[in-house]
Amino acid sequence: MRAFTTAVTAILVLFIGRDQPTIPLTFKIFGIGAYSCGFWMNTPTRYDEGKVWIYGDWTMSNWRDHLVGHTTDGRGVLAAVASECMAHPSEKLVYATSAAYVRMQDEHR
């Protein structure tokens, strides 16, 4: 049994260690991130709810050795997302947050 376990582990290490093709992911968005930017920016209560959602999403995006947004603070992150939202009010908040994140990442900010 030990030899079988070792063989399976070796196969998995070889398989996982290889470059894999990009596979499209399907995921479920919960909370205000699933709503449009216009919905988020419509009232102070929704804006506050969205701030918390954005901070959580941004933190999760940064969890593996990324420092995107390291040259700013929470207000700067919110301003970047709000800028994206003002340009595209019908876009979902999750996509606006992602666009702002990628833009900051590309700018090394």
C-alpha atoms as a PDB file:
ATOM      1  CA  MET A   1       0.000   0.000   0.000  1.00  0.00           C
ATOM      2  CA  ARG A   2       2.864   2.371   0.798  1.00  0.00           C
ATOM      3  CA  ALA A   3       4.354   1.911  -2.690  1.00  0.00           C
ATOM      4  CA  PHE A   4       0.970   2.702  -4.248  1.00  0.00           C
ATOM      5  CA  THR A   5       0.640   5.868  -2.135  1.00  0.00           C
ATOM      6  CA  THR A   6       4.156   6.947  -3.099  1.00  0.00           C
ATOM      7  CA  ALA A   7       3.448   6.326  -6.796  1.00  0.00           C
ATOM      8  CA  VAL A   8       0.185   8.287  -6.682  1.00  0.00           C
ATOM      9  CA  THR A   9       1.905  11.145  -4.854  1.00  0.00           C
ATOM     10  CA  ALA A  10       4.699  11.227  -7.460  1.00  0.00           C
ATOM     11  CA  ILE A  11       2.194  11.272 -10.312  1.00  0.00           C
ATOM     12  CA  LEU A  12       0.235  14.078  -8.686  1.00  0.00           C
ATOM     13  CA  VAL A  13       3.380  16.124  -8.089  1.00  0.00           C
ATOM     14  CA  LEU A  14       4.417  15.694 -11.723  1.00  0.00           C
ATOM     15  CA  PHE A  15       0.949  16.524 -13.010  1.00  0.00           C
ATOM     16  CA  ILE A  16       0.353  19.512 -10.750  1.00  0.00           C
ATOM     17  CA  GLY A  17       3.870  20.865 -11.293  1.00  0.00           C
ATOM     18  CA  ARG A  18       3.377  21.128 -15.052  1.00  0.00           C
ATOM     19  CA  ASP A  19       2.013  24.221 -16.702  1.00  0.00           C
ATOM     20  CA  GLN A  20      -1.693  23.760 -17.070  1.00  0.00           C
ATOM     21  CA  PRO A  21      -3.855  25.398 -19.702  1.00  0.00           C
ATOM     22  CA  THR A  22      -6.062  28.174 -18.453  1.00  0.00           C
ATOM     23  CA  ILE A  23      -9.470  26.819 -17.569  1.00  0.00           C
ATOM     24  CA  PRO A  24     -12.391  29.231 -17.395  1.00  0.00           C
ATOM     25  CA  LEU A  25     -13.802  29.318 -13.897  1.00  0.00           C
ATOM     26  CA  THR A  26     -17.412  29.578 -12.910  1.00  0.00           C
ATOM     27  CA  PHE A  27     -18.000  31.196  -9.572  1.00  0.00           C
ATOM     28  CA  LYS A  28     -20.822  32.623  -7.497  1.00  0.00           C
ATOM     29  CA  ILE A  29     -20.650  36.200  -6.284  1.00  0.00           C
ATOM     30  CA  PHE A  30     -22.417  36.931  -3.023  1.00  0.00           C
ATOM     31  CA  GLY A  31     -23.510  40.249  -1.624  1.00  0.00           C
ATOM     32  CA  ILE A  32     -23.422  43.650  -3.220  1.00  0.00           C
ATOM     33  CA  GLY A  33     -20.582  42.650  -5.556  1.00  0.00           C
ATOM     34  CA  ALA A  34     -23.176  40.902  -7.704  1.00  0.00           C
ATOM     35  CA  TYR A  35     -25.024  44.190  -8.280  1.00  0.00           C
ATOM     36  CA  SER A  36     -24.248  47.064 -10.617  1.00  0.00           C
ATOM     37  CA  CYS A  37     -21.995  49.964  -9.807  1.00  0.00           C
ATOM     38  CA  GLY A  38     -25.000  52.262 -10.067  1.00  0.00           C
ATOM     39  CA  PHE A  39     -26.786  50.221  -7.406  1.00  0.00           C
ATOM     40  CA  TRP A  40     -23.707  50.413  -5.159  1.00  0.00           C
ATOM     41  CA  MET A  41     -23.286  54.168  -5.519  1.00  0.00           C
ATOM     42  CA  ASN A  42     -27.018  54.942  -5.196  1.00  0.00           C
ATOM     43  CA  THR A  43     -27.252  55.397  -1.405  1.00  0.00           C
ATOM     44  CA  PRO A  44     -24.844  55.933   1.509  1.00  0.00           C
ATOM     45  CA  THR A  45     -25.899  52.608   3.066  1.00  0.00           C
ATOM     46  CA  ARG A  46     -25.178  50.677  -0.120  1.00  0.00           C
ATOM     47  CA  TYR A  47     -21.906  52.557  -0.542  1.00  0.00           C
ATOM     48  CA  ASP A  48     -20.837  51.505   2.966  1.00  0.00           C
ATOM     49  CA  GLU A  49     -21.831  47.908   2.255  1.00  0.00           C
ATOM     50  CA  GLY A  50     -19.847  48.028  -0.982  1.00  0.00           C
ATOM     51  CA  LYS A  51     -16.763  49.397   0.778  1.00  0.00           C
ATOM     52  CA  VAL A  52     -16.664  46.360   3.036  1.00  0.00           C
ATOM     53  CA  TRP A  53     -17.224  44.052   0.063  1.00  0.00           C
ATOM     54  CA  ILE A  54     -14.446  45.739  -1.969  1.00  0.00           C
ATOM     55  CA  TYR A  55     -11.977  45.542   0.925  1.00  0.00           C
ATOM     56  CA  GLY A  56     -12.690  41.827   1.301  1.00  0.00           C
ATOM     57  CA  ASP A  57     -12.460  41.113  -2.405  1.00  0.00           C
ATOM     58  CA  TRP A  58      -9.222  43.109  -2.734  1.00  0.00           C
ATOM     59  CA  THR A  59      -7.706  41.373   0.273  1.00  0.00           C
ATOM     60  CA  MET A  60      -8.593  37.973  -1.130  1.00  0.00           C
ATOM     61  CA  SER A  61      -7.081  38.924  -4.485  1.00  0.00           C
ATOM     62  CA  ASN A  62      -3.856  39.863  -2.690  1.00  0.00           C
ATOM     63  CA  TRP A  63      -3.626  36.765  -0.506  1.00  0.00           C
ATOM     64  CA  ARG A  64      -0.799  35.085  -2.451  1.00  0.00           C
ATOM     65  CA  ASP A  65       2.314  37.256  -2.430  1.00  0.00           C
ATOM     66  CA  HIS A  66       0.715  40.240  -4.117  1.00  0.00           C
ATOM     67  CA  LEU A  67       0.967  43.797  -2.930  1.00  0.00           C
ATOM     68  CA  VAL A  68      -1.451  45.430  -5.328  1.00  0.00           C
ATOM     69  CA  GLY A  69      -2.446  48.743  -3.813  1.00  0.00           C
ATOM     70  CA  HIS A  70       0.642  48.945  -1.607  1.00  0.00           C
ATOM     71  CA  THR A  71       1.260  52.568  -2.586  1.00  0.00           C
ATOM     72  CA  THR A  72      -2.169  53.690  -1.427  1.00  0.00           C
ATOM     73  CA  ASP A  73      -4.677  53.064   1.335  1.00  0.00           C
ATOM     74  CA  GLY A  74      -8.295  51.949   1.479  1.00  0.00           C
ATOM     75  CA  ARG A  75      -9.514  55.315   0.236  1.00  0.00           C
ATOM     76  CA  GLY A  76      -7.250  55.039  -2.808  1.00  0.00           C
ATOM     77  CA  VAL A  77      -8.581  51.576  -3.571  1.00  0.00           C
ATOM     78  CA  LEU A  78     -12.169  52.821  -3.253  1.00  0.00           C
ATOM     79  CA  ALA A  79     -11.376  55.803  -5.483  1.00  0.00           C
ATOM     80  CA  ALA A  80      -9.985  53.481  -8.163  1.00  0.00           C
ATOM     81  CA  VAL A  81     -13.105  51.302  -8.051  1.00  0.00           C
ATOM     82  CA  ALA A  82     -15.402  54.342  -7.983  1.00  0.00           C
ATOM     83  CA  SER A  83     -13.627  55.747 -11.037  1.00  0.00           C
ATOM     84  CA  GLU A  84     -14.260  52.497 -12.896  1.00  0.00           C
ATOM     85  CA  CYS A  85     -17.883  52.541 -11.732  1.00  0.00           C
ATOM     86  CA  MET A  86     -18.489  56.122 -12.824  1.00  0.00           C
ATOM     87  CA  ALA A  87     -17.232  55.218 -16.295  1.00  0.00           C
ATOM     88  CA  HIS A  88     -19.382  52.059 -16.416  1.00  0.00           C
ATOM     89  CA  PRO A  89     -22.365  52.376 -14.037  1.00  0.00           C
ATOM     90  CA  SER A  90     -24.128  49.266 -15.367  1.00  0.00           C
ATOM     91  CA  GLU A  91     -21.062  47.073 -14.772  1.00  0.00           C
ATOM     92  CA  LYS A  92     -21.215  44.702 -11.807  1.00  0.00           C
ATOM     93  CA  LEU A  93     -19.212  45.823  -8.804  1.00  0.00           C
ATOM     94  CA  VAL A  94     -17.164  42.618  -8.897  1.00  0.00           C
ATOM     95  CA  TYR A  95     -15.955  43.409 -12.427  1.00  0.00           C
ATOM     96  CA  ALA A  96     -15.264  47.067 -11.631  1.00  0.00           C
ATOM     97  CA  THR A  97     -13.215  45.992  -8.603  1.00  0.00           C
ATOM     98  CA  SER A  98     -11.318  43.491 -10.727  1.00  0.00           C
ATOM     99  CA  ALA A  99     -10.639  46.100 -13.421  1.00  0.00           C
ATOM    100  CA  ALA A 100      -9.303  48.569 -10.835  1.00  0.00           C
ATOM    101  CA  TYR A 101      -7.159  45.815  -9.307  1.00  0.00           C
ATOM    102  CA  VAL A 102      -5.666  44.816 -12.668  1.00  0.00           C
ATOM    103  CA  ARG A 103      -5.011  48.446 -13.570  1.00  0.00           C
ATOM    104  CA  MET A 104      -3.118  49.023 -10.298  1.00  0.00           C
ATOM    105  CA  GLN A 105      -1.269  45.746 -10.775  1.00  0.00           C
ATOM    106  CA  ASP A 106      -0.195  46.750 -14.279  1.00  0.00           C
ATOM    107  CA  GLU A 107       0.949  50.146 -12.984  1.00  0.00           C
ATOM    108  CA  HIS A 108       2.879  48.433 -10.142  1.00  0.00           C
ATOM    109  CA  ARG A 109       1.003  50.475  -7.565  1.00  0.00           C
END
